[in-house]
C-alpha cells in the first residue's frame, strides 16, 4: 500500500495526539542521543514481521515516544522515492 505525505502526516498527528505527545519533551537529534543512533537503519532494514518485536524491546529499554517518532520521520525521509512526473 502506498502512503502519500498527506496520509502520513494525518496518521502521525493522530498517533501523537493519542499518545499525548504534546505534553512530552520534543524529540532529540541523533547526535544528542547516540544510544539510539542505529534506530533509523533498524527501521529501514528490518522486515515488518520482526520490527514490532525489536521496537518493543527498545521501548522497554527506555526509548521514549518522541524519539521514536522523530526517528520514524527520519527513516521515512531517507526512504522517500522522488515524485513521479505525471
C-alpha atoms as a PDB file:
ATOM      1  CA  UNK A   1       0.000   0.000   0.000  1.00  0.00           C
ATOM      2  CA  UNK A   2       1.441   3.345  -0.999  1.00  0.00           C
ATOM      3  CA  UNK A   3       1.108   6.162   1.515  1.00  0.00           C
ATOM      4  CA  UNK A   4       1.371   9.758   0.387  1.00  0.00           C
ATOM      5  CA  UNK A   5       2.691  12.606   2.505  1.00  0.00           C
ATOM      6  CA  UNK A   6      -0.755  13.895   3.470  1.00  0.00           C
ATOM      7  CA  UNK A   7      -1.868  10.468   4.718  1.00  0.00           C
ATOM      8  CA  UNK A   8       1.384  10.006   6.642  1.00  0.00           C
ATOM      9  CA  UNK A   9       1.015  13.388   8.365  1.00  0.00           C
ATOM     10  CA  UNK A  10      -2.622  12.677   9.274  1.00  0.00           C
ATOM     11  CA  UNK A  11      -1.675   9.325  10.804  1.00  0.00           C
ATOM     12  CA  UNK A  12       1.372  10.725  12.596  1.00  0.00           C
ATOM     13  CA  UNK A  13      -0.705  13.556  14.056  1.00  0.00           C
ATOM     14  CA  UNK A  14      -3.439  11.177  15.175  1.00  0.00           C
ATOM     15  CA  UNK A  15      -0.863   8.929  16.799  1.00  0.00           C
ATOM     16  CA  UNK A  16       0.836  11.848  18.517  1.00  0.00           C
ATOM     17  CA  UNK A  17      -2.496  13.055  19.887  1.00  0.00           C
ATOM     18  CA  UNK A  18      -3.421   9.547  21.025  1.00  0.00           C
ATOM     19  CA  UNK A  19      -0.173   9.176  22.956  1.00  0.00           C
ATOM     20  CA  UNK A  20      -0.256  12.706  24.303  1.00  0.00           C
ATOM     21  CA  UNK A  21       2.995  13.701  22.624  1.00  0.00           C
ATOM     22  CA  UNK A  22       2.115  17.363  23.029  1.00  0.00           C
ATOM     23  CA  UNK A  23       2.839  17.021  26.744  1.00  0.00           C
ATOM     24  CA  UNK A  24       6.158  15.202  26.232  1.00  0.00           C
ATOM     25  CA  UNK A  25       9.552  16.702  25.542  1.00  0.00           C
ATOM     26  CA  UNK A  26      10.384  17.224  21.856  1.00  0.00           C
ATOM     27  CA  UNK A  27      12.333  14.560  20.012  1.00  0.00           C
ATOM     28  CA  UNK A  28      16.079  14.894  20.243  1.00  0.00           C
ATOM     29  CA  UNK A  29      18.545  14.693  17.410  1.00  0.00           C
ATOM     30  CA  UNK A  30      20.627  11.624  16.643  1.00  0.00           C
ATOM     31  CA  UNK A  31      23.826  13.375  17.723  1.00  0.00           C
ATOM     32  CA  UNK A  32      22.364  14.140  21.148  1.00  0.00           C
ATOM     33  CA  UNK A  33      21.338  10.529  21.766  1.00  0.00           C
ATOM     34  CA  UNK A  34      23.983   8.150  20.401  1.00  0.00           C
ATOM     35  CA  UNK A  35      22.283   5.223  22.168  1.00  0.00           C
ATOM     36  CA  UNK A  36      19.502   5.435  19.563  1.00  0.00           C
ATOM     37  CA  UNK A  37      21.659   6.355  16.575  1.00  0.00           C
ATOM     38  CA  UNK A  38      21.095   2.938  14.999  1.00  0.00           C
ATOM     39  CA  UNK A  39      17.308   3.252  15.166  1.00  0.00           C
ATOM     40  CA  UNK A  40      16.909   4.752  11.670  1.00  0.00           C
ATOM     41  CA  UNK A  41      18.765   1.879   9.951  1.00  0.00           C
ATOM     42  CA  UNK A  42      16.782  -0.563  12.107  1.00  0.00           C
ATOM     43  CA  UNK A  43      13.509   0.975  10.899  1.00  0.00           C
ATOM     44  CA  UNK A  44      14.624   0.885   7.278  1.00  0.00           C
ATOM     45  CA  UNK A  45      16.282  -2.533   7.106  1.00  0.00           C
ATOM     46  CA  UNK A  46      14.253  -4.734   9.461  1.00  0.00           C
ATOM     47  CA  UNK A  47      11.498  -6.884   7.997  1.00  0.00           C
ATOM     48  CA  UNK A  48       7.972  -5.963   9.054  1.00  0.00           C
ATOM     49  CA  UNK A  49       7.476  -9.300  10.795  1.00  0.00           C
ATOM     50  CA  UNK A  50      10.354  -8.624  13.186  1.00  0.00           C
ATOM     51  CA  UNK A  51      10.178  -4.838  13.529  1.00  0.00           C
ATOM     52  CA  UNK A  52       7.450  -4.673  16.175  1.00  0.00           C
ATOM     53  CA  UNK A  53       9.273  -7.154  18.394  1.00  0.00           C
ATOM     54  CA  UNK A  54      12.511  -5.148  18.168  1.00  0.00           C
ATOM     55  CA  UNK A  55      10.768  -1.835  18.811  1.00  0.00           C
ATOM     56  CA  UNK A  56       9.007  -3.223  21.891  1.00  0.00           C
ATOM     57  CA  UNK A  57      12.396  -4.288  23.214  1.00  0.00           C
ATOM     58  CA  UNK A  58      13.764  -0.788  22.627  1.00  0.00           C
ATOM     59  CA  UNK A  59      10.771   0.806  24.364  1.00  0.00           C
ATOM     60  CA  UNK A  60      11.217  -1.467  27.368  1.00  0.00           C
ATOM     61  CA  UNK A  61      14.879  -0.403  27.486  1.00  0.00           C
ATOM     62  CA  UNK A  62      13.963   3.280  27.696  1.00  0.00           C
ATOM     63  CA  UNK A  63      13.166   4.511  24.189  1.00  0.00           C
ATOM     64  CA  UNK A  64      10.601   7.306  24.515  1.00  0.00           C
ATOM     65  CA  UNK A  65       7.822   8.090  22.066  1.00  0.00           C
ATOM     66  CA  UNK A  66       9.098  11.485  20.813  1.00  0.00           C
ATOM     67  CA  UNK A  67      12.466   9.944  19.948  1.00  0.00           C
ATOM     68  CA  UNK A  68      10.802   7.022  18.188  1.00  0.00           C
ATOM     69  CA  UNK A  69       8.540   9.365  16.239  1.00  0.00           C
ATOM     70  CA  UNK A  70      11.480  11.553  15.252  1.00  0.00           C
ATOM     71  CA  UNK A  71      13.489   8.561  14.044  1.00  0.00           C
ATOM     72  CA  UNK A  72      10.450   7.273  12.138  1.00  0.00           C
ATOM     73  CA  UNK A  73      10.155  10.567  10.295  1.00  0.00           C
ATOM     74  CA  UNK A  74      13.899  10.495   9.523  1.00  0.00           C
ATOM     75  CA  UNK A  75      13.615   6.926   8.201  1.00  0.00           C
ATOM     76  CA  UNK A  76      10.640   7.885   6.027  1.00  0.00           C
ATOM     77  CA  UNK A  77      12.587  10.824   4.626  1.00  0.00           C
ATOM     78  CA  UNK A  78      15.542   8.593   3.757  1.00  0.00           C
ATOM     79  CA  UNK A  79      13.363   6.005   2.030  1.00  0.00           C
ATOM     80  CA  UNK A  80      11.270   8.539   0.125  1.00  0.00           C
ATOM     81  CA  UNK A  81      11.329   7.996  -3.600  1.00  0.00           C
ATOM     82  CA  UNK A  82      11.279  11.017  -5.882  1.00  0.00           C
ATOM     83  CA  UNK A  83       7.887  12.127  -7.133  1.00  0.00           C
ATOM     84  CA  UNK A  84       6.856  10.693 -10.461  1.00  0.00           C
ATOM     85  CA  UNK A  85       6.089  13.115 -13.191  1.00  0.00           C
ATOM     86  CA  UNK A  86       2.512  12.893 -14.332  1.00  0.00           C
END
